[in-house]
Amino acid sequence: MKTILSAALVLGLCGFAGARGEKADPVGTWKCEYEIGGQKRTSTLTIKKDGDKLAGTMSWPDQKDAKLKDVKLKDGDLTFSAERVLMDNKITVEYKFTIDGDKLKGKGAVETGGEKREFDIEGKREKKDK
């Protein structure tokens, strides 16, 4: 009886871990919000599958479709970088998100003047029209 209960517990935990892995699906369009310098800002993140790799773009109100670089999903964490163009400046922003169903939460990081500055960012996946 103990063996059966132990097996059921192990299978149940494996099933739970598998279900968590399924929740970490980054594919879709995400509306993101963050704050920098006391100002609320928005961006749109689009992630697609390109064969067995992930690819995508990020758009801001003043810049559209910046291609993502080094898009990776590992253990529910999505990481990538995007180039932000502000006036004549090109700034690489590194992102790390944790995905939980249709929500993502994480940080963006920019290096300026030899100093790394981070900001919190959250997003929600847009619902697909059926």
N, C-alpha and C. Protein backbone atom coordinates (compact mmCIF):
# COMPACT_ATOMS: atom_id res chain seq x y z
N MET A 1 0.83 -1.19 0.00
CA MET A 1 0.00 0.00 0.00
C MET A 1 0.88 1.27 0.00
N LYS A 2 1.96 1.26 0.80
CA LYS A 2 2.87 2.41 0.84
C LYS A 2 3.50 2.65 -0.52
N THR A 3 3.82 1.56 -1.22
CA THR A 3 4.44 1.67 -2.54
C THR A 3 3.47 2.36 -3.51
N ILE A 4 2.22 1.97 -3.47
CA ILE A 4 1.22 2.57 -4.35
C ILE A 4 1.05 4.05 -4.04
N LEU A 5 0.98 4.38 -2.75
CA LEU A 5 0.84 5.79 -2.36
C LEU A 5 2.07 6.59 -2.77
N SER A 6 3.25 6.03 -2.59
CA SER A 6 4.49 6.72 -2.99
C SER A 6 4.51 6.95 -4.49
N ALA A 7 4.13 5.93 -5.25
CA ALA A 7 4.10 6.05 -6.71
C ALA A 7 3.09 7.11 -7.14
N ALA A 8 1.93 7.12 -6.51
CA ALA A 8 0.90 8.11 -6.84
C ALA A 8 1.39 9.53 -6.53
N LEU A 9 2.08 9.67 -5.41
CA LEU A 9 2.61 10.97 -5.03
C LEU A 9 3.66 11.45 -6.03
N VAL A 10 4.57 10.58 -6.41
CA VAL A 10 5.61 10.93 -7.38
C VAL A 10 4.99 11.30 -8.72
N LEU A 11 4.04 10.49 -9.20
CA LEU A 11 3.38 10.78 -10.47
C LEU A 11 2.61 12.09 -10.39
N GLY A 12 1.97 12.33 -9.26
CA GLY A 12 1.23 13.58 -9.08
C GLY A 12 2.15 14.78 -9.13
N LEU A 13 3.30 14.69 -8.47
CA LEU A 13 4.26 15.79 -8.49
C LEU A 13 4.84 15.99 -9.88
N CYS A 14 5.11 14.91 -10.59
CA CYS A 14 5.62 15.01 -11.96
C CYS A 14 4.57 15.66 -12.86
N GLY A 15 3.34 15.29 -12.67
CA GLY A 15 2.26 15.90 -13.45
C GLY A 15 2.15 17.38 -13.17
N PHE A 16 2.31 17.76 -11.90
CA PHE A 16 2.25 19.17 -11.52
C PHE A 16 3.41 19.93 -12.15
N ALA A 17 4.60 19.34 -12.11
CA ALA A 17 5.77 20.00 -12.71
C ALA A 17 5.58 20.13 -14.21
N GLY A 18 5.01 19.12 -14.84
CA GLY A 18 4.75 19.18 -16.27
C GLY A 18 3.73 20.26 -16.59
N ALA A 19 2.72 20.39 -15.77
CA ALA A 19 1.69 21.41 -15.99
C ALA A 19 2.31 22.80 -15.87
N ARG A 20 3.23 22.97 -14.92
CA ARG A 20 3.89 24.26 -14.76
C ARG A 20 4.69 24.59 -16.01
N GLY A 21 5.37 23.58 -16.57
CA GLY A 21 6.15 23.77 -17.78
C GLY A 21 5.28 24.22 -18.94
N GLU A 22 4.06 23.67 -19.01
CA GLU A 22 3.15 24.06 -20.08
C GLU A 22 2.73 25.52 -19.95
N LYS A 23 2.64 26.02 -18.73
CA LYS A 23 2.24 27.41 -18.51
C LYS A 23 3.28 28.37 -19.05
N ALA A 24 4.52 27.93 -19.13
CA ALA A 24 5.61 28.80 -19.57
C ALA A 24 5.70 28.83 -21.10
N ASP A 25 4.60 29.17 -21.75
CA ASP A 25 4.57 29.28 -23.20
C ASP A 25 4.64 30.76 -23.55
N PRO A 26 5.76 31.22 -24.11
CA PRO A 26 5.91 32.65 -24.38
C PRO A 26 5.26 33.12 -25.68
N VAL A 27 4.82 32.20 -26.53
CA VAL A 27 4.30 32.57 -27.84
C VAL A 27 3.02 33.38 -27.72
N GLY A 28 3.01 34.51 -28.40
CA GLY A 28 1.84 35.39 -28.39
C GLY A 28 2.25 36.84 -28.38
N THR A 29 1.27 37.70 -28.21
CA THR A 29 1.49 39.15 -28.12
C THR A 29 1.21 39.59 -26.70
N TRP A 30 2.17 40.29 -26.13
CA TRP A 30 2.11 40.71 -24.74
C TRP A 30 2.10 42.23 -24.65
N LYS A 31 1.17 42.78 -23.89
CA LYS A 31 1.14 44.22 -23.60
C LYS A 31 1.87 44.43 -22.28
N CYS A 32 2.95 45.19 -22.34
CA CYS A 32 3.81 45.37 -21.17
C CYS A 32 3.72 46.80 -20.64
N GLU A 33 3.87 46.92 -19.32
CA GLU A 33 3.87 48.22 -18.65
C GLU A 33 5.05 48.29 -17.70
N TYR A 34 5.64 49.48 -17.62
CA TYR A 34 6.76 49.69 -16.71
C TYR A 34 6.85 51.18 -16.41
N GLU A 35 7.74 51.51 -15.48
CA GLU A 35 7.90 52.91 -15.08
C GLU A 35 9.39 53.24 -15.05
N ILE A 36 9.73 54.36 -15.68
CA ILE A 36 11.11 54.84 -15.65
C ILE A 36 11.05 56.34 -15.35
N GLY A 37 11.82 56.76 -14.38
CA GLY A 37 11.86 58.17 -14.02
C GLY A 37 10.51 58.72 -13.62
N GLY A 38 9.69 57.89 -12.98
CA GLY A 38 8.38 58.32 -12.53
C GLY A 38 7.33 58.41 -13.63
N GLN A 39 7.69 57.99 -14.84
CA GLN A 39 6.74 58.01 -15.96
C GLN A 39 6.33 56.60 -16.34
N LYS A 40 5.02 56.40 -16.47
CA LYS A 40 4.52 55.09 -16.91
C LYS A 40 4.75 54.96 -18.41
N ARG A 41 5.19 53.78 -18.82
CA ARG A 41 5.50 53.53 -20.23
C ARG A 41 4.92 52.19 -20.64
N THR A 42 4.79 51.99 -21.94
CA THR A 42 4.24 50.75 -22.46
C THR A 42 5.09 50.23 -23.61
N SER A 43 4.97 48.93 -23.83
CA SER A 43 5.60 48.30 -24.99
C SER A 43 4.76 47.08 -25.36
N THR A 44 4.97 46.60 -26.57
CA THR A 44 4.30 45.40 -27.04
C THR A 44 5.37 44.39 -27.45
N LEU A 45 5.31 43.23 -26.84
CA LEU A 45 6.25 42.15 -27.11
C LEU A 45 5.53 41.07 -27.90
N THR A 46 6.11 40.66 -29.03
CA THR A 46 5.52 39.59 -29.84
C THR A 46 6.54 38.47 -29.96
N ILE A 47 6.16 37.28 -29.52
CA ILE A 47 7.04 36.11 -29.57
C ILE A 47 6.40 35.07 -30.49
N LYS A 48 7.21 34.51 -31.39
CA LYS A 48 6.75 33.48 -32.33
C LYS A 48 7.73 32.31 -32.28
N LYS A 49 7.25 31.17 -32.71
CA LYS A 49 8.12 30.00 -32.88
C LYS A 49 8.64 30.02 -34.30
N ASP A 50 9.95 29.88 -34.45
CA ASP A 50 10.59 29.81 -35.76
C ASP A 50 11.28 28.45 -35.81
N GLY A 51 10.54 27.43 -36.24
CA GLY A 51 11.04 26.06 -36.16
C GLY A 51 11.06 25.65 -34.71
N ASP A 52 12.23 25.29 -34.19
CA ASP A 52 12.33 24.93 -32.77
C ASP A 52 12.93 26.08 -31.95
N LYS A 53 13.11 27.24 -32.59
CA LYS A 53 13.65 28.40 -31.90
C LYS A 53 12.57 29.45 -31.70
N LEU A 54 12.82 30.35 -30.76
CA LEU A 54 11.92 31.47 -30.51
C LEU A 54 12.49 32.72 -31.19
N ALA A 55 11.59 33.55 -31.69
CA ALA A 55 11.97 34.81 -32.32
C ALA A 55 10.89 35.82 -31.99
N GLY A 56 11.14 37.08 -32.25
CA GLY A 56 10.10 38.06 -32.00
C GLY A 56 10.55 39.49 -32.18
N THR A 57 9.63 40.38 -31.80
CA THR A 57 9.89 41.82 -31.90
C THR A 57 9.35 42.51 -30.65
N MET A 58 9.84 43.72 -30.44
CA MET A 58 9.31 44.57 -29.38
C MET A 58 9.05 45.94 -29.99
N SER A 59 7.90 46.51 -29.64
CA SER A 59 7.53 47.83 -30.14
C SER A 59 7.19 48.75 -28.97
N TRP A 60 7.52 50.02 -29.15
CA TRP A 60 7.18 51.07 -28.21
C TRP A 60 6.38 52.13 -28.96
N PRO A 61 5.74 53.06 -28.29
CA PRO A 61 4.96 54.07 -29.01
C PRO A 61 5.76 54.83 -30.07
N ASP A 62 7.07 55.02 -29.86
CA ASP A 62 7.89 55.78 -30.80
C ASP A 62 8.86 54.92 -31.62
N GLN A 63 8.76 53.60 -31.50
CA GLN A 63 9.65 52.70 -32.25
C GLN A 63 8.94 51.39 -32.47
N LYS A 64 8.90 50.93 -33.71
CA LYS A 64 8.16 49.72 -34.04
C LYS A 64 9.08 48.57 -34.42
N ASP A 65 8.69 47.37 -34.02
CA ASP A 65 9.27 46.11 -34.49
C ASP A 65 10.78 45.98 -34.40
N ALA A 66 11.35 46.26 -33.23
CA ALA A 66 12.77 46.00 -33.00
C ALA A 66 12.94 44.49 -32.85
N LYS A 67 13.82 43.91 -33.65
CA LYS A 67 14.03 42.46 -33.58
C LYS A 67 14.70 42.08 -32.27
N LEU A 68 14.21 40.98 -31.69
CA LEU A 68 14.79 40.47 -30.44
C LEU A 68 16.03 39.66 -30.75
N LYS A 69 17.00 39.72 -29.85
CA LYS A 69 18.24 38.96 -30.00
C LYS A 69 18.36 37.95 -28.87
N ASP A 70 18.89 36.78 -29.19
CA ASP A 70 19.17 35.73 -28.19
C ASP A 70 17.95 35.37 -27.35
N VAL A 71 16.83 35.09 -28.02
CA VAL A 71 15.59 34.74 -27.32
C VAL A 71 15.72 33.31 -26.79
N LYS A 72 15.58 33.16 -25.46
CA LYS A 72 15.71 31.83 -24.84
C LYS A 72 14.64 31.65 -23.78
N LEU A 73 14.14 30.43 -23.67
CA LEU A 73 13.21 30.05 -22.61
C LEU A 73 13.84 28.89 -21.86
N LYS A 74 14.07 29.09 -20.56
CA LYS A 74 14.67 28.04 -19.74
C LYS A 74 14.01 28.07 -18.37
N ASP A 75 13.44 26.94 -17.97
CA ASP A 75 12.80 26.80 -16.66
C ASP A 75 11.76 27.89 -16.39
N GLY A 76 11.00 28.24 -17.40
CA GLY A 76 9.95 29.23 -17.24
C GLY A 76 10.42 30.68 -17.32
N ASP A 77 11.74 30.88 -17.51
CA ASP A 77 12.29 32.23 -17.64
C ASP A 77 12.58 32.54 -19.10
N LEU A 78 12.06 33.66 -19.56
CA LEU A 78 12.28 34.13 -20.93
C LEU A 78 13.31 35.25 -20.88
N THR A 79 14.38 35.12 -21.67
CA THR A 79 15.41 36.15 -21.73
C THR A 79 15.67 36.54 -23.18
N PHE A 80 15.99 37.82 -23.38
CA PHE A 80 16.35 38.32 -24.70
C PHE A 80 16.85 39.75 -24.55
N SER A 81 17.34 40.31 -25.64
CA SER A 81 17.69 41.73 -25.64
C SER A 81 17.06 42.38 -26.87
N ALA A 82 16.88 43.70 -26.79
CA ALA A 82 16.32 44.46 -27.90
C ALA A 82 17.04 45.80 -27.95
N GLU A 83 17.18 46.33 -29.16
CA GLU A 83 17.85 47.62 -29.31
C GLU A 83 16.81 48.73 -29.34
N ARG A 84 16.96 49.65 -28.42
CA ARG A 84 16.05 50.80 -28.30
C ARG A 84 16.74 52.00 -28.91
N VAL A 85 16.06 52.68 -29.82
CA VAL A 85 16.62 53.88 -30.47
C VAL A 85 15.89 55.10 -29.91
N LEU A 86 16.65 55.96 -29.24
CA LEU A 86 16.11 57.20 -28.68
C LEU A 86 16.92 58.36 -29.25
N MET A 87 16.27 59.16 -30.07
CA MET A 87 16.93 60.23 -30.82
C MET A 87 18.06 59.61 -31.64
N ASP A 88 19.30 59.99 -31.40
CA ASP A 88 20.43 59.42 -32.15
C ASP A 88 21.15 58.32 -31.37
N ASN A 89 20.57 57.91 -30.23
CA ASN A 89 21.23 56.92 -29.37
C ASN A 89 20.63 55.54 -29.56
N LYS A 90 21.50 54.53 -29.65
CA LYS A 90 21.06 53.13 -29.69
C LYS A 90 21.44 52.51 -28.36
N ILE A 91 20.43 51.98 -27.68
CA ILE A 91 20.63 51.41 -26.34
C ILE A 91 20.15 49.96 -26.34
N THR A 92 20.99 49.06 -25.90
CA THR A 92 20.59 47.66 -25.78
C THR A 92 19.95 47.45 -24.42
N VAL A 93 18.72 46.92 -24.45
CA VAL A 93 17.99 46.63 -23.21
C VAL A 93 17.93 45.11 -23.06
N GLU A 94 18.37 44.60 -21.93
CA GLU A 94 18.30 43.17 -21.64
C GLU A 94 17.07 42.91 -20.78
N TYR A 95 16.32 41.86 -21.16
CA TYR A 95 15.08 41.54 -20.45
C TYR A 95 15.15 40.13 -19.88
N LYS A 96 14.54 39.96 -18.71
CA LYS A 96 14.37 38.63 -18.12
C LYS A 96 12.98 38.60 -17.48
N PHE A 97 12.15 37.67 -17.97
CA PHE A 97 10.78 37.53 -17.50
C PHE A 97 10.54 36.13 -16.97
N THR A 98 9.66 36.04 -15.99
CA THR A 98 9.11 34.77 -15.55
C THR A 98 7.67 34.73 -16.06
N ILE A 99 7.33 33.64 -16.75
CA ILE A 99 6.00 33.51 -17.33
C ILE A 99 5.14 32.64 -16.44
N ASP A 100 3.94 33.12 -16.18
CA ASP A 100 2.96 32.36 -15.39
C ASP A 100 1.62 32.47 -16.10
N GLY A 101 1.32 31.47 -16.93
CA GLY A 101 0.08 31.49 -17.70
C GLY A 101 0.08 32.63 -18.69
N ASP A 102 -0.89 33.56 -18.55
CA ASP A 102 -1.00 34.70 -19.46
C ASP A 102 -0.42 35.98 -18.87
N LYS A 103 0.47 35.82 -17.88
CA LYS A 103 1.12 36.98 -17.27
C LYS A 103 2.63 36.77 -17.30
N LEU A 104 3.34 37.86 -17.42
CA LEU A 104 4.79 37.80 -17.28
C LEU A 104 5.24 38.94 -16.39
N LYS A 105 6.33 38.71 -15.71
CA LYS A 105 6.85 39.69 -14.76
C LYS A 105 8.36 39.56 -14.77
N GLY A 106 9.03 40.69 -14.71
CA GLY A 106 10.48 40.61 -14.70
C GLY A 106 11.14 41.97 -14.67
N LYS A 107 12.33 42.01 -15.27
CA LYS A 107 13.12 43.23 -15.25
C LYS A 107 13.72 43.50 -16.62
N GLY A 108 13.88 44.79 -16.86
CA GLY A 108 14.66 45.25 -18.00
C GLY A 108 15.92 45.88 -17.42
N ALA A 109 17.01 45.81 -18.15
CA ALA A 109 18.26 46.38 -17.66
C ALA A 109 18.99 47.09 -18.80
N VAL A 110 19.49 48.28 -18.47
CA VAL A 110 20.22 49.10 -19.43
C VAL A 110 21.53 49.51 -18.79
N GLU A 111 22.60 49.46 -19.58
CA GLU A 111 23.88 49.92 -19.07
C GLU A 111 24.16 51.29 -19.67
N THR A 112 24.30 52.28 -18.81
CA THR A 112 24.63 53.64 -19.24
C THR A 112 25.74 54.19 -18.36
N GLY A 113 26.74 54.74 -19.01
CA GLY A 113 27.85 55.32 -18.25
C GLY A 113 28.55 54.32 -17.36
N GLY A 114 28.62 53.07 -17.79
CA GLY A 114 29.27 52.03 -17.00
C GLY A 114 28.45 51.55 -15.82
N GLU A 115 27.21 52.02 -15.71
CA GLU A 115 26.34 51.63 -14.61
C GLU A 115 25.11 50.91 -15.16
N LYS A 116 24.78 49.79 -14.52
CA LYS A 116 23.60 49.03 -14.95
C LYS A 116 22.38 49.49 -14.16
N ARG A 117 21.33 49.89 -14.89
CA ARG A 117 20.09 50.33 -14.25
C ARG A 117 18.98 49.36 -14.63
N GLU A 118 18.23 48.94 -13.63
CA GLU A 118 17.14 47.99 -13.84
C GLU A 118 15.79 48.65 -13.58
N PHE A 119 14.77 48.13 -14.25
CA PHE A 119 13.40 48.57 -14.00
C PHE A 119 12.49 47.36 -14.04
N ASP A 120 11.42 47.41 -13.24
CA ASP A 120 10.44 46.33 -13.20
C ASP A 120 9.49 46.47 -14.38
N ILE A 121 9.07 45.33 -14.92
CA ILE A 121 8.16 45.33 -16.06
C ILE A 121 7.19 44.16 -15.91
N GLU A 122 5.93 44.39 -16.25
CA GLU A 122 4.90 43.36 -16.21
C GLU A 122 4.14 43.36 -17.51
N GLY A 123 3.58 42.21 -17.86
CA GLY A 123 2.82 42.14 -19.09
C GLY A 123 1.71 41.11 -19.02
N LYS A 124 0.76 41.29 -19.92
CA LYS A 124 -0.35 40.35 -20.06
C LYS A 124 -0.46 39.95 -21.52
N ARG A 125 -0.73 38.66 -21.73
CA ARG A 125 -0.89 38.16 -23.09
C ARG A 125 -2.25 38.61 -23.63
N GLU A 126 -2.24 39.10 -24.87
CA GLU A 126 -3.51 39.46 -25.51
C GLU A 126 -4.25 38.18 -25.85
N LYS A 127 -5.56 38.22 -25.65
CA LYS A 127 -6.40 37.08 -25.99
C LYS A 127 -6.56 37.00 -27.49
N LYS A 128 -6.51 35.78 -28.01
CA LYS A 128 -6.73 35.57 -29.45
C LYS A 128 -8.20 35.58 -29.75
N ASP A 129 -8.56 36.17 -30.89
CA ASP A 129 -9.96 36.13 -31.33
C ASP A 129 -10.24 34.72 -31.84
N LYS A 130 -11.39 34.19 -31.43
CA LYS A 130 -11.72 32.82 -31.86
C LYS A 130 -12.85 32.82 -32.84
